């Protein structure tokens, strides 16, 4: 059931990642008009939780202009046109960390800001290919990479140490999924 009727849509701004529209809406059954801004992302995003045999998770540190600081995050990026999620996850991990990975079958999808945006996030889980060597990282985007023990990651979550909502959501899904898998056995 539609709650609103779209009266008009006007593009306000566009860059390589998204377009912002100003929608004029009327609520069904009412004469009143409302303005609504909508961010239309061109591509989905993918994030990958990578673990190793030492019970550690791989993180990247990247400067974020909006916060004006370096933030600890999991590898993530856009799914490019014509690319499936697996390809995007493997590519992003290689670009940002220099590691090759093996994807697991589990994954989650969610919309982080469904009140203003259609940006869909996909969270993949992977293991590092222990036979791969670390290649160079994308130094324009990533300052460093580091492996952090799962127990410390949980402590960091509890201590509110993550600024990035995508990383935090992905980590919570990861630990929830890990706990669920243990309960099934």
N, C-alpha and C. Protein backbone atom coordinates (compact mmCIF):
# COMPACT_ATOMS: atom_id res chain seq x y z
N UNK A 1 0.83 -1.18 0.00
CA UNK A 1 0.00 0.00 0.00
C UNK A 1 0.88 1.25 0.00
N UNK A 2 0.69 2.12 -0.96
CA UNK A 2 1.46 3.35 -1.05
C UNK A 2 0.90 4.38 -0.09
N UNK A 3 1.80 4.94 0.69
CA UNK A 3 1.40 5.98 1.64
C UNK A 3 1.54 7.36 1.03
N UNK A 4 2.47 7.51 0.07
CA UNK A 4 2.74 8.80 -0.54
C UNK A 4 2.56 8.72 -2.05
N UNK A 5 2.21 9.84 -2.65
CA UNK A 5 2.17 9.99 -4.09
C UNK A 5 3.30 10.92 -4.49
N UNK A 6 4.11 10.49 -5.44
CA UNK A 6 5.20 11.33 -5.93
C UNK A 6 4.62 12.35 -6.90
N UNK A 7 4.81 13.63 -6.56
CA UNK A 7 4.34 14.71 -7.41
C UNK A 7 5.41 15.09 -8.43
N UNK A 8 6.65 15.21 -7.94
CA UNK A 8 7.76 15.54 -8.84
C UNK A 8 9.07 15.09 -8.22
N UNK A 9 10.07 14.89 -9.08
CA UNK A 9 11.42 14.51 -8.65
C UNK A 9 12.40 15.39 -9.40
N UNK A 10 13.27 16.08 -8.64
CA UNK A 10 14.26 16.98 -9.23
C UNK A 10 15.65 16.59 -8.77
N UNK A 11 16.58 16.33 -9.70
CA UNK A 11 17.96 16.04 -9.28
C UNK A 11 18.59 17.30 -8.66
N UNK A 12 19.27 17.11 -7.54
CA UNK A 12 19.89 18.23 -6.84
C UNK A 12 21.41 18.19 -6.96
N UNK A 13 21.99 17.00 -6.89
CA UNK A 13 23.44 16.84 -6.92
C UNK A 13 23.77 15.44 -7.41
N UNK A 14 24.89 15.32 -8.10
CA UNK A 14 25.34 14.01 -8.55
C UNK A 14 26.85 13.95 -8.51
N UNK A 15 27.38 12.79 -8.10
CA UNK A 15 28.81 12.51 -8.20
C UNK A 15 28.97 11.09 -8.75
N UNK A 16 30.16 10.53 -8.65
CA UNK A 16 30.39 9.21 -9.25
C UNK A 16 29.73 8.07 -8.47
N UNK A 17 29.28 8.32 -7.24
CA UNK A 17 28.71 7.26 -6.41
C UNK A 17 27.19 7.32 -6.27
N UNK A 18 26.63 8.54 -6.29
CA UNK A 18 25.20 8.66 -6.05
C UNK A 18 24.64 9.94 -6.65
N UNK A 19 23.29 9.99 -6.67
CA UNK A 19 22.57 11.18 -7.09
C UNK A 19 21.56 11.51 -5.99
N UNK A 20 21.46 12.78 -5.65
CA UNK A 20 20.49 13.22 -4.65
C UNK A 20 19.32 13.88 -5.37
N UNK A 21 18.12 13.45 -5.00
CA UNK A 21 16.89 13.99 -5.58
C UNK A 21 16.10 14.72 -4.50
N UNK A 22 15.38 15.75 -4.93
CA UNK A 22 14.36 16.38 -4.09
C UNK A 22 13.02 15.91 -4.63
N UNK A 23 12.34 15.12 -3.83
CA UNK A 23 11.02 14.62 -4.21
C UNK A 23 9.96 15.49 -3.55
N UNK A 24 8.96 15.84 -4.31
CA UNK A 24 7.76 16.51 -3.78
C UNK A 24 6.71 15.41 -3.63
N UNK A 25 6.21 15.24 -2.42
CA UNK A 25 5.28 14.17 -2.11
C UNK A 25 3.97 14.73 -1.56
N UNK A 26 2.91 14.00 -1.76
CA UNK A 26 1.67 14.28 -1.03
C UNK A 26 1.27 12.97 -0.35
N UNK A 27 0.79 13.12 0.86
CA UNK A 27 0.35 11.94 1.59
C UNK A 27 -1.05 11.58 1.11
N UNK A 28 -1.27 10.30 0.86
CA UNK A 28 -2.55 9.83 0.35
C UNK A 28 -3.66 10.28 1.30
N UNK A 29 -4.68 10.89 0.73
CA UNK A 29 -5.81 11.35 1.51
C UNK A 29 -5.64 12.73 2.12
N UNK A 30 -4.48 13.39 1.87
CA UNK A 30 -4.24 14.72 2.42
C UNK A 30 -3.80 15.66 1.30
N UNK A 31 -4.06 16.93 1.46
CA UNK A 31 -3.70 17.93 0.46
C UNK A 31 -2.26 18.41 0.69
N UNK A 32 -1.76 18.26 1.88
CA UNK A 32 -0.44 18.77 2.26
C UNK A 32 0.69 18.14 1.44
N UNK A 33 1.62 18.98 0.96
CA UNK A 33 2.79 18.49 0.23
C UNK A 33 4.00 18.50 1.16
N UNK A 34 4.94 17.57 0.90
CA UNK A 34 6.17 17.48 1.68
C UNK A 34 7.36 17.41 0.74
N UNK A 35 8.49 17.96 1.19
CA UNK A 35 9.76 17.79 0.48
C UNK A 35 10.50 16.63 1.13
N UNK A 36 11.12 15.80 0.28
CA UNK A 36 11.83 14.63 0.77
C UNK A 36 13.09 14.46 -0.06
N UNK A 37 14.24 14.41 0.59
CA UNK A 37 15.49 14.19 -0.13
C UNK A 37 15.78 12.69 -0.15
N UNK A 38 16.19 12.23 -1.29
CA UNK A 38 16.45 10.81 -1.51
C UNK A 38 17.82 10.65 -2.14
N UNK A 39 18.68 9.81 -1.53
CA UNK A 39 20.02 9.54 -2.06
C UNK A 39 19.96 8.22 -2.81
N UNK A 40 20.15 8.29 -4.12
CA UNK A 40 20.09 7.13 -5.00
C UNK A 40 21.50 6.66 -5.31
N UNK A 41 21.95 5.58 -4.66
CA UNK A 41 23.29 5.05 -4.90
C UNK A 41 23.27 4.21 -6.17
N UNK A 42 24.30 4.38 -6.98
CA UNK A 42 24.39 3.66 -8.26
C UNK A 42 24.76 2.19 -8.08
N UNK A 43 25.51 1.89 -7.03
CA UNK A 43 26.00 0.53 -6.82
C UNK A 43 25.77 0.09 -5.38
N UNK A 44 25.66 -1.21 -5.18
CA UNK A 44 25.66 -1.77 -3.83
C UNK A 44 27.08 -1.70 -3.28
N UNK A 45 27.20 -1.93 -1.98
CA UNK A 45 28.51 -1.98 -1.33
C UNK A 45 28.72 -3.36 -0.73
N UNK A 46 29.97 -3.74 -0.62
CA UNK A 46 30.32 -5.04 -0.05
C UNK A 46 31.39 -4.84 1.02
N UNK A 47 31.26 -5.59 2.10
CA UNK A 47 32.25 -5.59 3.18
C UNK A 47 32.59 -7.04 3.49
N UNK A 48 33.84 -7.28 3.87
CA UNK A 48 34.27 -8.66 4.10
C UNK A 48 34.97 -8.77 5.45
N UNK A 49 34.47 -9.69 6.28
CA UNK A 49 35.14 -10.05 7.52
C UNK A 49 36.09 -11.18 7.18
N UNK A 50 37.39 -10.94 7.37
CA UNK A 50 38.42 -11.93 7.04
C UNK A 50 39.04 -12.43 8.34
N UNK A 51 39.04 -13.75 8.50
CA UNK A 51 39.66 -14.32 9.70
C UNK A 51 40.85 -15.19 9.30
N UNK A 52 41.74 -15.42 10.25
CA UNK A 52 42.87 -16.31 10.01
C UNK A 52 42.85 -17.46 11.01
N UNK A 53 43.82 -18.34 10.90
CA UNK A 53 43.87 -19.54 11.76
C UNK A 53 44.22 -19.20 13.20
N UNK A 54 44.63 -17.97 13.49
CA UNK A 54 44.99 -17.55 14.85
C UNK A 54 43.84 -16.87 15.59
N UNK A 55 42.59 -17.04 15.08
CA UNK A 55 41.42 -16.42 15.71
C UNK A 55 41.52 -14.89 15.69
N UNK A 56 41.99 -14.35 14.57
CA UNK A 56 42.11 -12.91 14.40
C UNK A 56 41.27 -12.45 13.20
N UNK A 57 40.90 -11.18 13.23
CA UNK A 57 40.14 -10.55 12.16
C UNK A 57 41.00 -9.45 11.55
N UNK A 58 40.93 -9.31 10.23
CA UNK A 58 41.76 -8.33 9.51
C UNK A 58 41.03 -7.00 9.40
N UNK A 59 41.73 -5.92 9.76
CA UNK A 59 41.20 -4.56 9.70
C UNK A 59 42.10 -3.68 8.86
N UNK A 60 41.49 -2.62 8.33
CA UNK A 60 42.24 -1.57 7.63
C UNK A 60 42.02 -0.27 8.39
N UNK A 61 42.99 0.62 8.30
CA UNK A 61 42.85 1.97 8.85
C UNK A 61 42.82 2.93 7.68
N UNK A 62 41.76 3.76 7.64
CA UNK A 62 41.57 4.69 6.52
C UNK A 62 41.16 6.06 7.06
N UNK A 63 41.69 7.11 6.42
CA UNK A 63 41.31 8.47 6.79
C UNK A 63 39.91 8.76 6.26
N UNK A 64 39.06 9.31 7.12
CA UNK A 64 37.70 9.67 6.75
C UNK A 64 37.51 11.17 6.94
N UNK A 65 37.31 11.84 5.83
CA UNK A 65 37.18 13.29 5.81
C UNK A 65 36.08 13.80 6.74
N UNK A 66 34.92 13.19 6.70
CA UNK A 66 33.78 13.64 7.49
C UNK A 66 34.11 13.69 8.98
N UNK A 67 34.83 12.71 9.48
CA UNK A 67 35.21 12.65 10.89
C UNK A 67 36.57 13.30 11.15
N UNK A 68 37.31 13.57 10.06
CA UNK A 68 38.66 14.15 10.14
C UNK A 68 39.59 13.31 11.02
N UNK A 69 39.55 12.01 10.78
CA UNK A 69 40.45 11.12 11.52
C UNK A 69 40.61 9.79 10.79
N UNK A 70 41.58 9.03 11.24
CA UNK A 70 41.79 7.69 10.71
C UNK A 70 40.91 6.72 11.50
N UNK A 71 40.13 5.93 10.77
CA UNK A 71 39.18 5.00 11.39
C UNK A 71 39.58 3.56 11.10
N UNK A 72 39.35 2.71 12.09
CA UNK A 72 39.57 1.28 11.96
C UNK A 72 38.31 0.64 11.37
N UNK A 73 38.46 -0.08 10.26
CA UNK A 73 37.32 -0.63 9.54
C UNK A 73 37.67 -2.00 8.98
N UNK A 74 36.65 -2.71 8.53
CA UNK A 74 36.89 -3.93 7.78
C UNK A 74 36.98 -3.55 6.30
N UNK A 75 37.63 -4.36 5.47
CA UNK A 75 37.72 -4.05 4.04
C UNK A 75 36.33 -3.95 3.42
N UNK A 76 36.13 -2.91 2.61
CA UNK A 76 34.81 -2.69 2.01
C UNK A 76 34.94 -1.77 0.80
N UNK A 77 33.91 -1.79 -0.03
CA UNK A 77 33.89 -0.90 -1.19
C UNK A 77 32.68 -1.15 -2.06
N UNK A 78 32.66 -0.50 -3.19
CA UNK A 78 31.54 -0.62 -4.14
C UNK A 78 31.60 -1.91 -4.94
N UNK A 79 30.42 -2.43 -5.25
CA UNK A 79 30.31 -3.51 -6.22
C UNK A 79 30.24 -2.82 -7.58
N UNK A 80 31.21 -3.09 -8.43
CA UNK A 80 31.27 -2.43 -9.73
C UNK A 80 30.25 -3.03 -10.70
N UNK A 81 29.89 -2.25 -11.73
CA UNK A 81 28.93 -2.71 -12.73
C UNK A 81 29.40 -4.03 -13.35
N UNK A 82 28.50 -5.01 -13.44
CA UNK A 82 28.81 -6.29 -14.04
C UNK A 82 29.55 -7.25 -13.13
N UNK A 83 29.81 -6.86 -11.89
CA UNK A 83 30.57 -7.67 -10.95
C UNK A 83 29.60 -8.33 -9.97
N UNK A 84 29.80 -9.61 -9.66
CA UNK A 84 28.95 -10.22 -8.63
C UNK A 84 29.57 -9.97 -7.26
N UNK A 85 28.83 -10.29 -6.21
CA UNK A 85 29.28 -10.00 -4.85
C UNK A 85 30.59 -10.69 -4.51
N UNK A 86 30.73 -11.93 -4.91
CA UNK A 86 31.96 -12.67 -4.61
C UNK A 86 33.16 -12.00 -5.26
N UNK A 87 33.02 -11.66 -6.53
CA UNK A 87 34.12 -10.99 -7.23
C UNK A 87 34.47 -9.66 -6.55
N UNK A 88 33.45 -8.90 -6.18
CA UNK A 88 33.68 -7.61 -5.54
C UNK A 88 34.39 -7.78 -4.20
N UNK A 89 33.94 -8.75 -3.40
CA UNK A 89 34.57 -8.99 -2.10
C UNK A 89 36.02 -9.39 -2.22
N UNK A 90 36.31 -10.31 -3.13
CA UNK A 90 37.69 -10.75 -3.35
C UNK A 90 38.55 -9.59 -3.84
N UNK A 91 38.03 -8.81 -4.78
CA UNK A 91 38.78 -7.67 -5.33
C UNK A 91 39.06 -6.62 -4.26
N UNK A 92 38.04 -6.25 -3.49
CA UNK A 92 38.23 -5.24 -2.44
C UNK A 92 39.27 -5.69 -1.42
N UNK A 93 39.23 -6.96 -1.03
CA UNK A 93 40.20 -7.47 -0.06
C UNK A 93 41.61 -7.41 -0.60
N UNK A 94 41.78 -7.80 -1.85
CA UNK A 94 43.10 -7.77 -2.46
C UNK A 94 43.61 -6.33 -2.57
N UNK A 95 42.74 -5.42 -3.02
CA UNK A 95 43.14 -4.02 -3.16
C UNK A 95 43.50 -3.38 -1.82
N UNK A 96 42.67 -3.62 -0.82
CA UNK A 96 42.84 -2.92 0.45
C UNK A 96 43.81 -3.59 1.42
N UNK A 97 43.97 -4.91 1.32
CA UNK A 97 44.81 -5.61 2.29
C UNK A 97 46.00 -6.31 1.66
N UNK A 98 45.93 -6.60 0.37
CA UNK A 98 46.99 -7.36 -0.27
C UNK A 98 46.86 -8.86 -0.10
N UNK A 99 45.80 -9.32 0.55
CA UNK A 99 45.61 -10.75 0.79
C UNK A 99 44.56 -11.34 -0.15
N UNK A 100 44.80 -12.59 -0.56
CA UNK A 100 43.79 -13.38 -1.25
C UNK A 100 42.95 -14.07 -0.18
N UNK A 101 41.69 -14.35 -0.51
CA UNK A 101 40.78 -14.92 0.49
C UNK A 101 39.97 -16.05 -0.11
N UNK A 102 39.37 -16.85 0.78
CA UNK A 102 38.36 -17.85 0.42
C UNK A 102 37.06 -17.41 1.07
N UNK A 103 36.04 -17.21 0.27
CA UNK A 103 34.74 -16.80 0.81
C UNK A 103 33.99 -17.99 1.38
N UNK A 104 33.27 -17.75 2.48
CA UNK A 104 32.38 -18.74 3.05
C UNK A 104 31.01 -18.54 2.42
N UNK A 105 30.12 -19.49 2.62
CA UNK A 105 28.82 -19.39 1.96
C UNK A 105 27.88 -18.40 2.64
N UNK A 106 28.03 -18.14 3.93
CA UNK A 106 27.12 -17.25 4.62
C UNK A 106 27.35 -15.80 4.21
N UNK A 107 26.27 -15.06 4.15
CA UNK A 107 26.38 -13.61 3.96
C UNK A 107 25.08 -12.95 4.41
N UNK A 108 25.17 -11.65 4.66
CA UNK A 108 24.01 -10.88 5.10
C UNK A 108 23.89 -9.63 4.23
N UNK A 109 22.67 -9.14 4.09
CA UNK A 109 22.40 -7.91 3.35
C UNK A 109 21.57 -6.99 4.24
N UNK A 110 21.81 -5.68 4.13
CA UNK A 110 21.00 -4.73 4.88
C UNK A 110 21.10 -3.34 4.27
N UNK A 111 20.15 -2.50 4.63
CA UNK A 111 20.13 -1.08 4.24
C UNK A 111 20.42 -0.28 5.50
N UNK A 112 21.52 0.46 5.52
CA UNK A 112 21.92 1.17 6.73
C UNK A 112 21.11 2.44 6.97
N UNK A 113 20.65 3.07 5.93
CA UNK A 113 19.93 4.35 6.06
C UNK A 113 18.67 4.34 5.20
N UNK A 114 17.80 3.37 5.43
CA UNK A 114 16.65 3.19 4.55
C UNK A 114 15.63 4.32 4.63
N UNK A 115 15.83 5.27 5.50
CA UNK A 115 14.96 6.43 5.56
C UNK A 115 15.33 7.51 4.56
N UNK A 116 16.57 7.45 4.03
CA UNK A 116 17.03 8.49 3.10
C UNK A 116 17.75 7.93 1.89
N UNK A 117 18.03 6.64 1.87
CA UNK A 117 18.89 6.10 0.83
C UNK A 117 18.50 4.67 0.46
N UNK A 118 18.84 4.29 -0.78
CA UNK A 118 18.63 2.91 -1.23
C UNK A 118 19.94 2.11 -1.20
N UNK A 119 20.97 2.61 -0.54
CA UNK A 119 22.27 1.93 -0.53
C UNK A 119 22.17 0.60 0.21
N UNK A 120 22.47 -0.47 -0.52
CA UNK A 120 22.41 -1.81 0.04
C UNK A 120 23.83 -2.29 0.34
N UNK A 121 24.02 -2.81 1.55
CA UNK A 121 25.30 -3.35 1.98
C UNK A 121 25.21 -4.87 2.01
N UNK A 122 26.28 -5.50 1.57
CA UNK A 122 26.39 -6.95 1.61
C UNK A 122 27.60 -7.28 2.49
N UNK A 123 27.42 -8.15 3.46
CA UNK A 123 28.50 -8.56 4.35
C UNK A 123 28.86 -10.00 4.01
N UNK A 124 30.13 -10.20 3.65
CA UNK A 124 30.64 -11.53 3.33
C UNK A 124 31.62 -11.96 4.41
N UNK A 125 31.75 -13.26 4.59
CA UNK A 125 32.70 -13.81 5.55
C UNK A 125 33.74 -14.61 4.77
N UNK A 126 35.00 -14.52 5.21
CA UNK A 126 36.07 -15.17 4.46
C UNK A 126 37.19 -15.62 5.38
N UNK A 127 37.98 -16.51 4.85
CA UNK A 127 39.24 -16.91 5.49
C UNK A 127 40.37 -16.46 4.59
N UNK A 128 41.46 -16.05 5.21
CA UNK A 128 42.62 -15.64 4.43
C UNK A 128 43.24 -16.88 3.80
N UNK A 129 43.72 -16.73 2.59
CA UNK A 129 44.49 -17.80 1.94
C UNK A 129 45.87 -17.76 2.56
N UNK A 130 46.17 -18.72 3.44
CA UNK A 130 47.44 -18.68 4.16
C UNK A 130 48.64 -18.89 3.24
N UNK A 131 48.39 -19.34 2.01
CA UNK A 131 49.48 -19.47 1.04
C UNK A 131 49.71 -18.19 0.25
N UNK A 132 48.80 -17.22 0.42
CA UNK A 132 48.99 -15.96 -0.31
C UNK A 132 49.97 -15.09 0.47
N UNK A 133 50.67 -14.30 -0.24
CA UNK A 133 51.56 -13.36 0.42
C UNK A 133 50.91 -11.98 0.36
N UNK A 134 51.26 -11.16 1.31
CA UNK A 134 50.68 -9.82 1.33
C UNK A 134 51.32 -8.98 0.25
N UNK A 135 50.49 -8.54 -0.69
CA UNK A 135 50.95 -7.62 -1.73
C UNK A 135 50.83 -6.22 -1.19
N UNK A 136 51.20 -5.24 -1.99
CA UNK A 136 51.04 -3.85 -1.59
C UNK A 136 49.57 -3.48 -1.43
N UNK A 137 49.31 -2.50 -0.59
CA UNK A 137 47.95 -2.03 -0.38
C UNK A 137 47.73 -0.72 -1.14
N UNK A 138 46.47 -0.33 -1.28
CA UNK A 138 46.12 0.93 -1.92
C UNK A 138 46.43 2.06 -0.95
N UNK A 139 47.63 2.62 -1.05
CA UNK A 139 48.09 3.62 -0.08
C UNK A 139 47.38 4.96 -0.20
N UNK A 140 46.65 5.18 -1.29
CA UNK A 140 45.85 6.40 -1.39
C UNK A 140 44.63 6.32 -0.49
N UNK A 141 44.20 5.11 -0.19
CA UNK A 141 43.00 4.91 0.62
C UNK A 141 43.30 4.34 2.00
N UNK A 142 44.24 3.43 2.09
CA UNK A 142 44.50 2.68 3.32
C UNK A 142 45.85 3.08 3.92
N UNK A 143 45.84 3.42 5.22
CA UNK A 143 47.08 3.78 5.90
C UNK A 143 47.83 2.55 6.40
N UNK A 144 47.07 1.57 6.93
CA UNK A 144 47.71 0.34 7.40
C UNK A 144 46.66 -0.75 7.52
N UNK A 145 47.16 -1.98 7.64
CA UNK A 145 46.29 -3.13 7.92
C UNK A 145 46.80 -3.80 9.18
N UNK A 146 45.90 -4.46 9.89
CA UNK A 146 46.32 -5.17 11.10
C UNK A 146 45.34 -6.29 11.45
N UNK A 147 45.91 -7.35 12.00
CA UNK A 147 45.12 -8.47 12.51
C UNK A 147 44.85 -8.21 13.98
N UNK A 148 43.60 -8.37 14.41
CA UNK A 148 43.23 -8.15 15.81
C UNK A 148 42.50 -9.40 16.31
N UNK A 149 42.92 -9.86 17.48
CA UNK A 149 42.33 -11.03 18.12
C UNK A 149 40.82 -10.83 18.32
N UNK A 150 40.05 -11.90 18.07
CA UNK A 150 38.58 -11.82 18.17
C UNK A 150 38.12 -11.34 19.54
N UNK A 151 38.77 -11.79 20.60
CA UNK A 151 38.38 -11.35 21.94
C UNK A 151 38.58 -9.85 22.10
N UNK A 152 39.66 -9.33 21.55
CA UNK A 152 39.91 -7.89 21.62
C UNK A 152 38.88 -7.13 20.77
N UNK A 153 38.52 -7.69 19.63
CA UNK A 153 37.50 -7.05 18.79
C UNK A 153 36.19 -6.94 19.55
N UNK A 154 35.78 -8.01 20.23
CA UNK A 154 34.55 -7.98 21.04
C UNK A 154 34.64 -6.91 22.13
N UNK A 155 35.79 -6.82 22.76
CA UNK A 155 36.01 -5.80 23.78
C UNK A 155 35.94 -4.39 23.18
N UNK A 156 36.47 -4.22 21.98
CA UNK A 156 36.42 -2.93 21.30
C UNK A 156 34.98 -2.55 20.95
N UNK A 157 34.18 -3.53 20.54
CA UNK A 157 32.77 -3.28 20.26
C UNK A 157 32.07 -2.82 21.55
N UNK A 158 32.30 -3.54 22.63
CA UNK A 158 31.67 -3.20 23.91
C UNK A 158 32.12 -1.83 24.43
N UNK A 159 33.32 -1.40 24.05
CA UNK A 159 33.87 -0.11 24.48
C UNK A 159 33.60 1.01 23.49
N UNK A 160 32.75 0.74 22.49
CA UNK A 160 32.36 1.77 21.51
C UNK A 160 33.57 2.34 20.75
N UNK A 161 34.45 1.48 20.28
CA UNK A 161 35.67 1.91 19.60
C UNK A 161 35.53 2.02 18.08
N UNK A 162 34.39 1.63 17.52
CA UNK A 162 34.22 1.67 16.07
C UNK A 162 33.32 2.84 15.68
N UNK A 163 33.79 3.64 14.73
CA UNK A 163 33.02 4.78 14.22
C UNK A 163 32.20 4.40 13.00
N UNK A 164 32.63 3.39 12.29
CA UNK A 164 32.03 3.01 11.01
C UNK A 164 30.86 2.05 11.22
N UNK A 165 29.66 2.51 10.84
CA UNK A 165 28.46 1.69 11.02
C UNK A 165 28.47 0.40 10.22
N UNK A 166 29.04 0.45 9.01
CA UNK A 166 29.11 -0.76 8.19
C UNK A 166 29.99 -1.80 8.88
N UNK A 167 31.15 -1.38 9.38
CA UNK A 167 32.05 -2.33 10.07
C UNK A 167 31.39 -2.87 11.33
N UNK A 168 30.78 -1.99 12.11
CA UNK A 168 30.16 -2.42 13.36
C UNK A 168 29.03 -3.41 13.09
N UNK A 169 28.17 -3.10 12.15
CA UNK A 169 27.08 -4.01 11.82
C UNK A 169 27.62 -5.35 11.32
N UNK A 170 28.62 -5.29 10.44
CA UNK A 170 29.21 -6.53 9.91
C UNK A 170 29.82 -7.36 11.04
N UNK A 171 30.53 -6.72 11.95
CA UNK A 171 31.14 -7.45 13.07
C UNK A 171 30.08 -8.08 13.97
N UNK A 172 29.02 -7.34 14.26
CA UNK A 172 27.94 -7.90 15.08
C UNK A 172 27.29 -9.09 14.39
N UNK A 173 27.06 -9.00 13.10
CA UNK A 173 26.51 -10.13 12.34
C UNK A 173 27.47 -11.31 12.36
N UNK A 174 28.75 -11.02 12.23
CA UNK A 174 29.78 -12.06 12.24
C UNK A 174 29.77 -12.81 13.57
N UNK A 175 29.81 -12.07 14.68
CA UNK A 175 29.85 -12.73 15.99
C UNK A 175 28.52 -13.41 16.30
N UNK A 176 27.41 -12.84 15.87
CA UNK A 176 26.12 -13.49 16.05
C UNK A 176 26.07 -14.79 15.25
N UNK A 177 26.53 -14.75 14.01
CA UNK A 177 26.54 -15.93 13.15
C UNK A 177 27.48 -17.00 13.71
N UNK A 178 28.62 -16.58 14.21
CA UNK A 178 29.58 -17.51 14.80
C UNK A 178 28.97 -18.20 16.02
N UNK A 179 28.29 -17.45 16.86
CA UNK A 179 27.65 -18.02 18.05
C UNK A 179 26.53 -18.98 17.64
N UNK A 180 25.74 -18.58 16.63
CA UNK A 180 24.66 -19.42 16.14
C UNK A 180 25.18 -20.73 15.59
N UNK A 181 26.30 -20.69 14.89
CA UNK A 181 26.90 -21.92 14.34
C UNK A 181 27.35 -22.85 15.44
N UNK A 182 27.89 -22.29 16.54
CA UNK A 182 28.36 -23.11 17.64
C UNK A 182 27.19 -23.76 18.35
N UNK A 183 26.06 -23.06 18.45
CA UNK A 183 24.89 -23.61 19.14
C UNK A 183 24.24 -24.75 18.35
N UNK A 184 24.44 -24.75 17.03
CA UNK A 184 23.85 -25.81 16.21
C UNK A 184 24.60 -27.12 16.36
N UNK A 185 25.86 -27.07 16.71
CA UNK A 185 26.68 -28.30 16.82
C UNK A 185 26.50 -28.99 18.13
